[in-house]
C-alpha cells in the first residue's frame, strides 16, 4: 500500500467506536534502521484540561485493518491515555 492511499482515511477505534482523527492530518513514525512504520501520530482535536494540546501516538501493532475509507485500530481506554503526549 502507498502512503497516498492512506491519506483521507478516518481512524476508528474498534474497542469503543471512537473516531480518533484522519490520516490526512497524521504523521508516521518510521524506524530509520528497518524502514518499518512504528506508529501513527494523530494530532489533537482540542485542548486538554491542563491547557495543552495532546497528540495521540498509536503503535502500528494496534492497526488491525486498512479498509477502503477507514483505518481500524484497537486500543482500550488505558492504552489511549498511555499513548497521549503533550507538545
PDB file of N, CA and C in Angstrom:
ATOM      1  N   UNK A   1       0.843  -1.177   0.000  1.00  0.00           N
ATOM      2  CA  UNK A   1       0.000   0.000   0.000  1.00  0.00           C
ATOM      3  C   UNK A   1       0.888   1.238   0.000  1.00  0.00           C
ATOM      4  N   UNK A   2       0.473   2.229  -0.714  1.00  0.00           N
ATOM      5  CA  UNK A   2       1.196   3.502  -0.785  1.00  0.00           C
ATOM      6  C   UNK A   2       0.675   4.457   0.288  1.00  0.00           C
ATOM      7  N   UNK A   3       1.561   5.345   0.729  1.00  0.00           N
ATOM      8  CA  UNK A   3       1.160   6.339   1.720  1.00  0.00           C
ATOM      9  C   UNK A   3      -0.002   7.174   1.200  1.00  0.00           C
ATOM     10  N   UNK A   4       0.033   7.502  -0.076  1.00  0.00           N
ATOM     11  CA  UNK A   4      -1.037   8.325  -0.659  1.00  0.00           C
ATOM     12  C   UNK A   4      -2.402   7.651  -0.546  1.00  0.00           C
ATOM     13  N   UNK A   5      -2.422   6.326  -0.444  1.00  0.00           N
ATOM     14  CA  UNK A   5      -3.687   5.597  -0.293  1.00  0.00           C
ATOM     15  C   UNK A   5      -4.231   5.700   1.134  1.00  0.00           C
ATOM     16  N   UNK A   6      -3.363   6.019   2.089  1.00  0.00           N
ATOM     17  CA  UNK A   6      -3.798   6.182   3.482  1.00  0.00           C
ATOM     18  C   UNK A   6      -4.420   7.561   3.726  1.00  0.00           C
ATOM     19  N   UNK A   7      -3.973   8.555   2.951  1.00  0.00           N
ATOM     20  CA  UNK A   7      -4.449   9.925   3.130  1.00  0.00           C
ATOM     21  C   UNK A   7      -5.965   9.979   2.970  1.00  0.00           C
ATOM     22  N   UNK A   8      -6.611  10.641   3.909  1.00  0.00           N
ATOM     23  CA  UNK A   8      -8.061  10.805   3.841  1.00  0.00           C
ATOM     24  C   UNK A   8      -8.848   9.744   4.585  1.00  0.00           C
ATOM     25  N   UNK A   9      -8.194   8.644   4.957  1.00  0.00           N
ATOM     26  CA  UNK A   9      -8.906   7.608   5.706  1.00  0.00           C
ATOM     27  C   UNK A   9      -9.148   8.085   7.136  1.00  0.00           C
ATOM     28  N   UNK A  10     -10.312   7.778   7.647  1.00  0.00           N
ATOM     29  CA  UNK A  10     -10.637   8.109   9.033  1.00  0.00           C
ATOM     30  C   UNK A  10     -10.105   6.997   9.928  1.00  0.00           C
ATOM     31  N   UNK A  11      -9.611   7.364  11.111  1.00  0.00           N
ATOM     32  CA  UNK A  11      -9.088   6.390  12.070  1.00  0.00           C
ATOM     33  C   UNK A  11     -10.174   6.120  13.101  1.00  0.00           C
ATOM     34  N   UNK A  12     -10.596   4.852  13.197  1.00  0.00           N
ATOM     35  CA  UNK A  12     -11.670   4.438  14.103  1.00  0.00           C
ATOM     36  C   UNK A  12     -11.116   3.415  15.087  1.00  0.00           C
ATOM     37  N   UNK A  13     -11.444   3.598  16.373  1.00  0.00           N
ATOM     38  CA  UNK A  13     -11.051   2.638  17.403  1.00  0.00           C
ATOM     39  C   UNK A  13     -12.151   1.581  17.520  1.00  0.00           C
ATOM     40  N   UNK A  14     -11.829   0.346  17.164  1.00  0.00           N
ATOM     41  CA  UNK A  14     -12.811  -0.732  17.195  1.00  0.00           C
ATOM     42  C   UNK A  14     -13.234  -1.068  18.629  1.00  0.00           C
ATOM     43  N   UNK A  15     -12.390  -0.720  19.602  1.00  0.00           N
ATOM     44  CA  UNK A  15     -12.687  -1.030  21.007  1.00  0.00           C
ATOM     45  C   UNK A  15     -13.975  -0.357  21.466  1.00  0.00           C
ATOM     46  N   UNK A  16     -14.150   0.927  21.088  1.00  0.00           N
ATOM     47  CA  UNK A  16     -15.341   1.652  21.546  1.00  0.00           C
ATOM     48  C   UNK A  16     -16.007   2.492  20.451  1.00  0.00           C
ATOM     49  N   UNK A  17     -15.544   2.365  19.217  1.00  0.00           N
ATOM     50  CA  UNK A  17     -16.153   3.090  18.106  1.00  0.00           C
ATOM     51  C   UNK A  17     -15.753   4.551  17.991  1.00  0.00           C
ATOM     52  N   UNK A  18     -14.792   4.987  18.783  1.00  0.00           N
ATOM     53  CA  UNK A  18     -14.351   6.382  18.777  1.00  0.00           C
ATOM     54  C   UNK A  18     -13.705   6.755  17.449  1.00  0.00           C
ATOM     55  N   UNK A  19     -14.072   7.927  16.945  1.00  0.00           N
ATOM     56  CA  UNK A  19     -13.393   8.499  15.787  1.00  0.00           C
ATOM     57  C   UNK A  19     -12.177   9.242  16.313  1.00  0.00           C
ATOM     58  N   UNK A  20     -10.995   8.787  15.927  1.00  0.00           N
ATOM     59  CA  UNK A  20      -9.770   9.314  16.508  1.00  0.00           C
ATOM     60  C   UNK A  20      -9.116  10.400  15.656  1.00  0.00           C
ATOM     61  N   UNK A  21      -9.526  10.540  14.434  1.00  0.00           N
ATOM     62  CA  UNK A  21      -8.943  11.545  13.554  1.00  0.00           C
ATOM     63  C   UNK A  21      -8.876  11.036  12.132  1.00  0.00           C
ATOM     64  N   UNK A  22      -8.108  11.734  11.314  1.00  0.00           N
ATOM     65  CA  UNK A  22      -7.935  11.372   9.910  1.00  0.00           C
ATOM     66  C   UNK A  22      -6.453  11.228   9.595  1.00  0.00           C
ATOM     67  N   UNK A  23      -6.156  10.341   8.686  1.00  0.00           N
ATOM     68  CA  UNK A  23      -4.773  10.156   8.268  1.00  0.00           C
ATOM     69  C   UNK A  23      -4.224  11.401   7.581  1.00  0.00           C
ATOM     70  N   UNK A  24      -5.102  12.202   6.988  1.00  0.00           N
ATOM     71  CA  UNK A  24      -4.663  13.396   6.271  1.00  0.00           C
ATOM     72  C   UNK A  24      -3.834  14.311   7.173  1.00  0.00           C
ATOM     73  N   UNK A  25      -4.198  14.399   8.437  1.00  0.00           N
ATOM     74  CA  UNK A  25      -3.521  15.294   9.371  1.00  0.00           C
ATOM     75  C   UNK A  25      -2.485  14.566  10.226  1.00  0.00           C
ATOM     76  N   UNK A  26      -2.342  13.265  10.053  1.00  0.00           N
ATOM     77  CA  UNK A  26      -1.475  12.458  10.913  1.00  0.00           C
ATOM     78  C   UNK A  26      -0.072  12.326  10.339  1.00  0.00           C
ATOM     79  N   UNK A  27       0.857  11.988  11.221  1.00  0.00           N
ATOM     80  CA  UNK A  27       2.235  11.703  10.831  1.00  0.00           C
ATOM     81  C   UNK A  27       2.523  10.231  11.065  1.00  0.00           C
ATOM     82  N   UNK A  28       3.526   9.725  10.367  1.00  0.00           N
ATOM     83  CA  UNK A  28       4.008   8.369  10.593  1.00  0.00           C
ATOM     84  C   UNK A  28       5.369   8.453  11.263  1.00  0.00           C
ATOM     85  N   UNK A  29       5.631   7.556  12.199  1.00  0.00           N
ATOM     86  CA  UNK A  29       6.972   7.411  12.764  1.00  0.00           C
ATOM     87  C   UNK A  29       7.557   6.163  12.121  1.00  0.00           C
ATOM     88  N   UNK A  30       8.701   6.326  11.477  1.00  0.00           N
ATOM     89  CA  UNK A  30       9.342   5.228  10.758  1.00  0.00           C
ATOM     90  C   UNK A  30      10.690   4.940  11.394  1.00  0.00           C
ATOM     91  N   UNK A  31      10.966   3.664  11.634  1.00  0.00           N
ATOM     92  CA  UNK A  31      12.256   3.245  12.176  1.00  0.00           C
ATOM     93  C   UNK A  31      13.293   3.419  11.063  1.00  0.00           C
ATOM     94  N   UNK A  32      14.290   4.284  11.261  1.00  0.00           N
ATOM     95  CA  UNK A  32      15.257   4.549  10.196  1.00  0.00           C
ATOM     96  C   UNK A  32      16.138   3.344   9.861  1.00  0.00           C
ATOM     97  N   UNK A  33      16.285   2.424  10.796  1.00  0.00           N
ATOM     98  CA  UNK A  33      17.138   1.265  10.541  1.00  0.00           C
ATOM     99  C   UNK A  33      16.421   0.175   9.758  1.00  0.00           C
ATOM    100  N   UNK A  34      15.111   0.017  10.008  1.00  0.00           N
ATOM    101  CA  UNK A  34      14.371  -1.049   9.325  1.00  0.00           C
ATOM    102  C   UNK A  34      13.485  -0.527   8.202  1.00  0.00           C
ATOM    103  N   UNK A  35      13.161   0.771   8.246  1.00  0.00           N
ATOM    104  CA  UNK A  35      12.251   1.334   7.264  1.00  0.00           C
ATOM    105  C   UNK A  35      10.796   0.983   7.525  1.00  0.00           C
ATOM    106  N   UNK A  36      10.513   0.351   8.655  1.00  0.00           N
ATOM    107  CA  UNK A  36       9.158  -0.077   9.005  1.00  0.00           C
ATOM    108  C   UNK A  36       8.429   1.033   9.762  1.00  0.00           C
ATOM    109  N   UNK A  37       7.105   1.074   9.576  1.00  0.00           N
ATOM    110  CA  UNK A  37       6.280   2.025  10.322  1.00  0.00           C
ATOM    111  C   UNK A  37       6.207   1.562  11.770  1.00  0.00           C
ATOM    112  N   UNK A  38       6.489   2.459  12.706  1.00  0.00           N
ATOM    113  CA  UNK A  38       6.450   2.159  14.134  1.00  0.00           C
ATOM    114  C   UNK A  38       5.138   2.634  14.744  1.00  0.00           C
ATOM    115  N   UNK A  39       4.672   3.818  14.326  1.00  0.00           N
ATOM    116  CA  UNK A  39       3.475   4.386  14.946  1.00  0.00           C
ATOM    117  C   UNK A  39       2.868   5.464  14.059  1.00  0.00           C
ATOM    118  N   UNK A  40       1.617   5.793  14.379  1.00  0.00           N
ATOM    119  CA  UNK A  40       0.914   6.932  13.792  1.00  0.00           C
ATOM    120  C   UNK A  40       0.825   8.003  14.860  1.00  0.00           C
ATOM    121  N   UNK A  41       0.986   9.255  14.498  1.00  0.00           N
ATOM    122  CA  UNK A  41       0.798  10.357  15.435  1.00  0.00           C
ATOM    123  C   UNK A  41      -0.406  11.154  14.945  1.00  0.00           C
ATOM    124  N   UNK A  42      -1.488  11.077  15.725  1.00  0.00           N
ATOM    125  CA  UNK A  42      -2.739  11.749  15.377  1.00  0.00           C
ATOM    126  C   UNK A  42      -2.789  13.057  16.154  1.00  0.00           C
ATOM    127  N   UNK A  43      -2.895  14.197  15.459  1.00  0.00           N
ATOM    128  CA  UNK A  43      -2.923  15.476  16.167  1.00  0.00           C
ATOM    129  C   UNK A  43      -4.180  15.643  17.008  1.00  0.00           C
ATOM    130  N   UNK A  44      -4.028  16.398  18.068  1.00  0.00           N
ATOM    131  CA  UNK A  44      -5.147  16.680  18.978  1.00  0.00           C
ATOM    132  C   UNK A  44      -6.224  17.466  18.255  1.00  0.00           C
ATOM    133  N   UNK A  45      -7.470  17.246  18.682  1.00  0.00           N
ATOM    134  CA  UNK A  45      -8.588  17.986  18.097  1.00  0.00           C
ATOM    135  C   UNK A  45      -9.021  19.141  18.982  1.00  0.00           C
ATOM    136  N   UNK A  46      -8.495  19.213  20.185  1.00  0.00           N
ATOM    137  CA  UNK A  46      -8.904  20.275  21.102  1.00  0.00           C
ATOM    138  C   UNK A  46      -7.831  20.512  22.132  1.00  0.00           C
ATOM    139  N   UNK A  47      -8.230  21.103  23.222  1.00  0.00           N
ATOM    140  CA  UNK A  47      -7.303  21.415  24.308  1.00  0.00           C
ATOM    141  C   UNK A  47      -7.613  20.531  25.495  1.00  0.00           C
ATOM    142  N   UNK A  48      -6.570  20.093  26.194  1.00  0.00           N
ATOM    143  CA  UNK A  48      -6.768  19.267  27.384  1.00  0.00           C
ATOM    144  C   UNK A  48      -7.110  20.149  28.581  1.00  0.00           C
ATOM    145  N   UNK A  49      -7.486  19.530  29.666  1.00  0.00           N
ATOM    146  CA  UNK A  49      -7.831  20.248  30.888  1.00  0.00           C
ATOM    147  C   UNK A  49      -6.617  21.000  31.433  1.00  0.00           C
ATOM    148  N   UNK A  50      -5.445  20.480  31.152  1.00  0.00           N
ATOM    149  CA  UNK A  50      -4.225  21.104  31.653  1.00  0.00           C
ATOM    150  C   UNK A  50      -3.782  22.280  30.783  1.00  0.00           C
ATOM    151  N   UNK A  51      -4.536  22.570  29.730  1.00  0.00           N
ATOM    152  CA  UNK A  51      -4.237  23.740  28.921  1.00  0.00           C
ATOM    153  C   UNK A  51      -3.363  23.491  27.712  1.00  0.00           C
ATOM    154  N   UNK A  52      -2.929  22.268  27.486  1.00  0.00           N
ATOM    155  CA  UNK A  52      -2.092  21.995  26.324  1.00  0.00           C
ATOM    156  C   UNK A  52      -2.760  21.052  25.350  1.00  0.00           C
ATOM    157  N   UNK A  53      -2.323  21.138  24.122  1.00  0.00           N
ATOM    158  CA  UNK A  53      -2.824  20.195  23.130  1.00  0.00           C
ATOM    159  C   UNK A  53      -2.086  18.876  23.303  1.00  0.00           C
ATOM    160  N   UNK A  54      -2.775  17.787  23.026  1.00  0.00           N
ATOM    161  CA  UNK A  54      -2.135  16.482  23.173  1.00  0.00           C
ATOM    162  C   UNK A  54      -2.327  15.660  21.910  1.00  0.00           C
ATOM    163  N   UNK A  55      -1.226  15.116  21.412  1.00  0.00           N
ATOM    164  CA  UNK A  55      -1.280  14.190  20.292  1.00  0.00           C
ATOM    165  C   UNK A  55      -1.559  12.798  20.824  1.00  0.00           C
ATOM    166  N   UNK A  56      -1.965  11.913  19.943  1.00  0.00           N
ATOM    167  CA  UNK A  56      -2.138  10.511  20.293  1.00  0.00           C
ATOM    168  C   UNK A  56      -1.206   9.714  19.402  1.00  0.00           C
ATOM    169  N   UNK A  57      -0.287   8.975  20.006  1.00  0.00           N
ATOM    170  CA  UNK A  57       0.621   8.116  19.260  1.00  0.00           C
ATOM    171  C   UNK A  57       0.056   6.705  19.301  1.00  0.00           C
ATOM    172  N   UNK A  58      -0.252   6.166  18.136  1.00  0.00           N
ATOM    173  CA  UNK A  58      -0.848   4.837  18.033  1.00  0.00           C
ATOM    174  C   UNK A  58       0.205   3.877  17.496  1.00  0.00           C
ATOM    175  N   UNK A  59       0.602   2.868  18.289  1.00  0.00           N
ATOM    176  CA  UNK A  59       1.576   1.890  17.794  1.00  0.00           C
ATOM    177  C   UNK A  59       1.028   1.187  16.545  1.00  0.00           C
ATOM    178  N   UNK A  60       1.885   0.945  15.571  1.00  0.00           N
ATOM    179  CA  UNK A  60       1.440   0.316  14.333  1.00  0.00           C
ATOM    180  C   UNK A  60       0.823  -1.061  14.602  1.00  0.00           C
ATOM    181  N   UNK A  61       1.263  -1.736  15.669  1.00  0.00           N
ATOM    182  CA  UNK A  61       0.704  -3.046  16.023  1.00  0.00           C
ATOM    183  C   UNK A  61      -0.780  -2.951  16.366  1.00  0.00           C
ATOM    184  N   UNK A  62      -1.247  -1.762  16.757  1.00  0.00           N
ATOM    185  CA  UNK A  62      -2.656  -1.575  17.112  1.00  0.00           C
ATOM    186  C   UNK A  62      -3.544  -1.416  15.875  1.00  0.00           C
ATOM    187  N   UNK A  63      -2.927  -1.209  14.708  1.00  0.00           N
ATOM    188  CA  UNK A  63      -3.698  -1.100  13.463  1.00  0.00           C
ATOM    189  C   UNK A  63      -4.137  -2.504  13.067  1.00  0.00           C
ATOM    190  N   UNK A  64      -5.449  -2.707  13.007  1.00  0.00           N
ATOM    191  CA  UNK A  64      -5.989  -4.039  12.732  1.00  0.00           C
ATOM    192  C   UNK A  64      -6.457  -4.215  11.300  1.00  0.00           C
ATOM    193  N   UNK A  65      -6.862  -3.129  10.657  1.00  0.00           N
ATOM    194  CA  UNK A  65      -7.405  -3.244   9.295  1.00  0.00           C
ATOM    195  C   UNK A  65      -7.310  -1.899   8.592  1.00  0.00           C
ATOM    196  N   UNK A  66      -6.908  -1.937   7.340  1.00  0.00           N
ATOM    197  CA  UNK A  66      -6.936  -0.754   6.498  1.00  0.00           C
ATOM    198  C   UNK A  66      -8.013  -1.021   5.450  1.00  0.00           C
ATOM    199  N   UNK A  67      -9.141  -0.332   5.602  1.00  0.00           N
ATOM    200  CA  UNK A  67     -10.262  -0.516   4.691  1.00  0.00           C
ATOM    201  C   UNK A  67     -10.271   0.536   3.598  1.00  0.00           C
ATOM    202  N   UNK A  68     -11.341   0.533   2.816  1.00  0.00           N
ATOM    203  CA  UNK A  68     -11.456   1.498   1.719  1.00  0.00           C
ATOM    204  C   UNK A  68     -11.540   2.931   2.212  1.00  0.00           C
ATOM    205  N   UNK A  69     -12.240   3.147   3.340  1.00  0.00           N
ATOM    206  CA  UNK A  69     -12.440   4.510   3.844  1.00  0.00           C
ATOM    207  C   UNK A  69     -11.940   4.723   5.263  1.00  0.00           C
ATOM    208  N   UNK A  70     -11.645   3.639   5.979  1.00  0.00           N
ATOM    209  CA  UNK A  70     -11.222   3.774   7.377  1.00  0.00           C
ATOM    210  C   UNK A  70      -9.990   2.933   7.671  1.00  0.00           C
ATOM    211  N   UNK A  71      -9.294   3.354   8.712  1.00  0.00           N
ATOM    212  CA  UNK A  71      -8.189   2.608   9.279  1.00  0.00           C
ATOM    213  C   UNK A  71      -8.660   2.210  10.675  1.00  0.00           C
ATOM    214  N   UNK A  72      -8.749   0.915  10.948  1.00  0.00           N
ATOM    215  CA  UNK A  72      -9.299   0.429  12.211  1.00  0.00           C
ATOM    216  C   UNK A  72      -8.160   0.090  13.168  1.00  0.00           C
ATOM    217  N   UNK A  73      -8.219   0.668  14.382  1.00  0.00           N
ATOM    218  CA  UNK A  73      -7.238   0.374  15.424  1.00  0.00           C
ATOM    219  C   UNK A  73      -7.959  -0.232  16.624  1.00  0.00           C
ATOM    220  N   UNK A  74      -7.210  -0.884  17.492  1.00  0.00           N
ATOM    221  CA  UNK A  74      -7.788  -1.493  18.690  1.00  0.00           C
ATOM    222  C   UNK A  74      -6.989  -1.042  19.908  1.00  0.00           C
ATOM    223  N   UNK A  75      -7.528  -0.041  20.620  1.00  0.00           N
ATOM    224  CA  UNK A  75      -6.899   0.487  21.836  1.00  0.00           C
ATOM    225  C   UNK A  75      -7.963   0.630  22.912  1.00  0.00           C
ATOM    226  N   UNK A  76      -7.713   0.070  24.115  1.00  0.00           N
ATOM    227  CA  UNK A  76      -8.664   0.310  25.200  1.00  0.00           C
ATOM    228  C   UNK A  76      -8.365   1.674  25.825  1.00  0.00           C
ATOM    229  N   UNK A  77      -9.230   2.134  26.714  1.00  0.00           N
ATOM    230  CA  UNK A  77      -9.106   3.488  27.273  1.00  0.00           C
ATOM    231  C   UNK A  77      -7.770   3.698  27.979  1.00  0.00           C
ATOM    232  N   UNK A  78      -7.274   2.673  28.676  1.00  0.00           N
ATOM    233  CA  UNK A  78      -5.981   2.801  29.360  1.00  0.00           C
ATOM    234  C   UNK A  78      -4.853   3.008  28.354  1.00  0.00           C
ATOM    235  N   UNK A  79      -4.919   2.294  27.237  1.00  0.00           N
ATOM    236  CA  UNK A  79      -3.894   2.459  26.211  1.00  0.00           C
ATOM    237  C   UNK A  79      -3.979   3.840  25.577  1.00  0.00           C
ATOM    238  N   UNK A  80      -5.182   4.329  25.341  1.00  0.00           N
ATOM    239  CA  UNK A  80      -5.345   5.665  24.761  1.00  0.00           C
ATOM    240  C   UNK A  80      -4.702   6.704  25.672  1.00  0.00           C
ATOM    241  N   UNK A  81      -4.947   6.616  26.964  1.00  0.00           N
ATOM    242  CA  UNK A  81      -4.368   7.578  27.912  1.00  0.00           C
ATOM    243  C   UNK A  81      -2.846   7.446  27.955  1.00  0.00           C
ATOM    244  N   UNK A  82      -2.336   6.218  27.892  1.00  0.00           N
ATOM    245  CA  UNK A  82      -0.893   5.995  27.962  1.00  0.00           C
ATOM    246  C   UNK A  82      -0.170   6.530  26.731  1.00  0.00           C
ATOM    247  N   UNK A  83      -0.825   6.509  25.593  1.00  0.00           N
ATOM    248  CA  UNK A  83      -0.183   6.929  24.354  1.00  0.00           C
ATOM    249  C   UNK A  83      -0.352   8.406  24.052  1.00  0.00           C
ATOM    250  N   UNK A  84      -1.058   9.156  24.920  1.00  0.00           N
ATOM    251  CA  UNK A  84      -1.195  10.608  24.725  1.00  0.00           C
ATOM    252  C   UNK A  84       0.133  11.277  25.086  1.00  0.00           C
ATOM    253  N   UNK A  85       0.470  12.302  24.372  1.00  0.00           N
ATOM    254  CA  UNK A  85       1.693  13.051  24.683  1.00  0.00           C
ATOM    255  C   UNK A  85       1.451  14.531  24.462  1.00  0.00           C
ATOM    256  N   UNK A  86       2.047  15.349  25.294  1.00  0.00           N
ATOM    257  CA  UNK A  86       1.916  16.799  25.154  1.00  0.00           C
ATOM    258  C   UNK A  86       3.004  17.332  24.241  1.00  0.00           C
ATOM    259  N   UNK A  87       2.728  18.465  23.642  1.00  0.00           N
ATOM    260  CA  UNK A  87       3.769  19.167  22.880  1.00  0.00           C
ATOM    261  C   UNK A  87       3.619  20.652  23.060  1.00  0.00           C
TER     262      UNK A  87
END
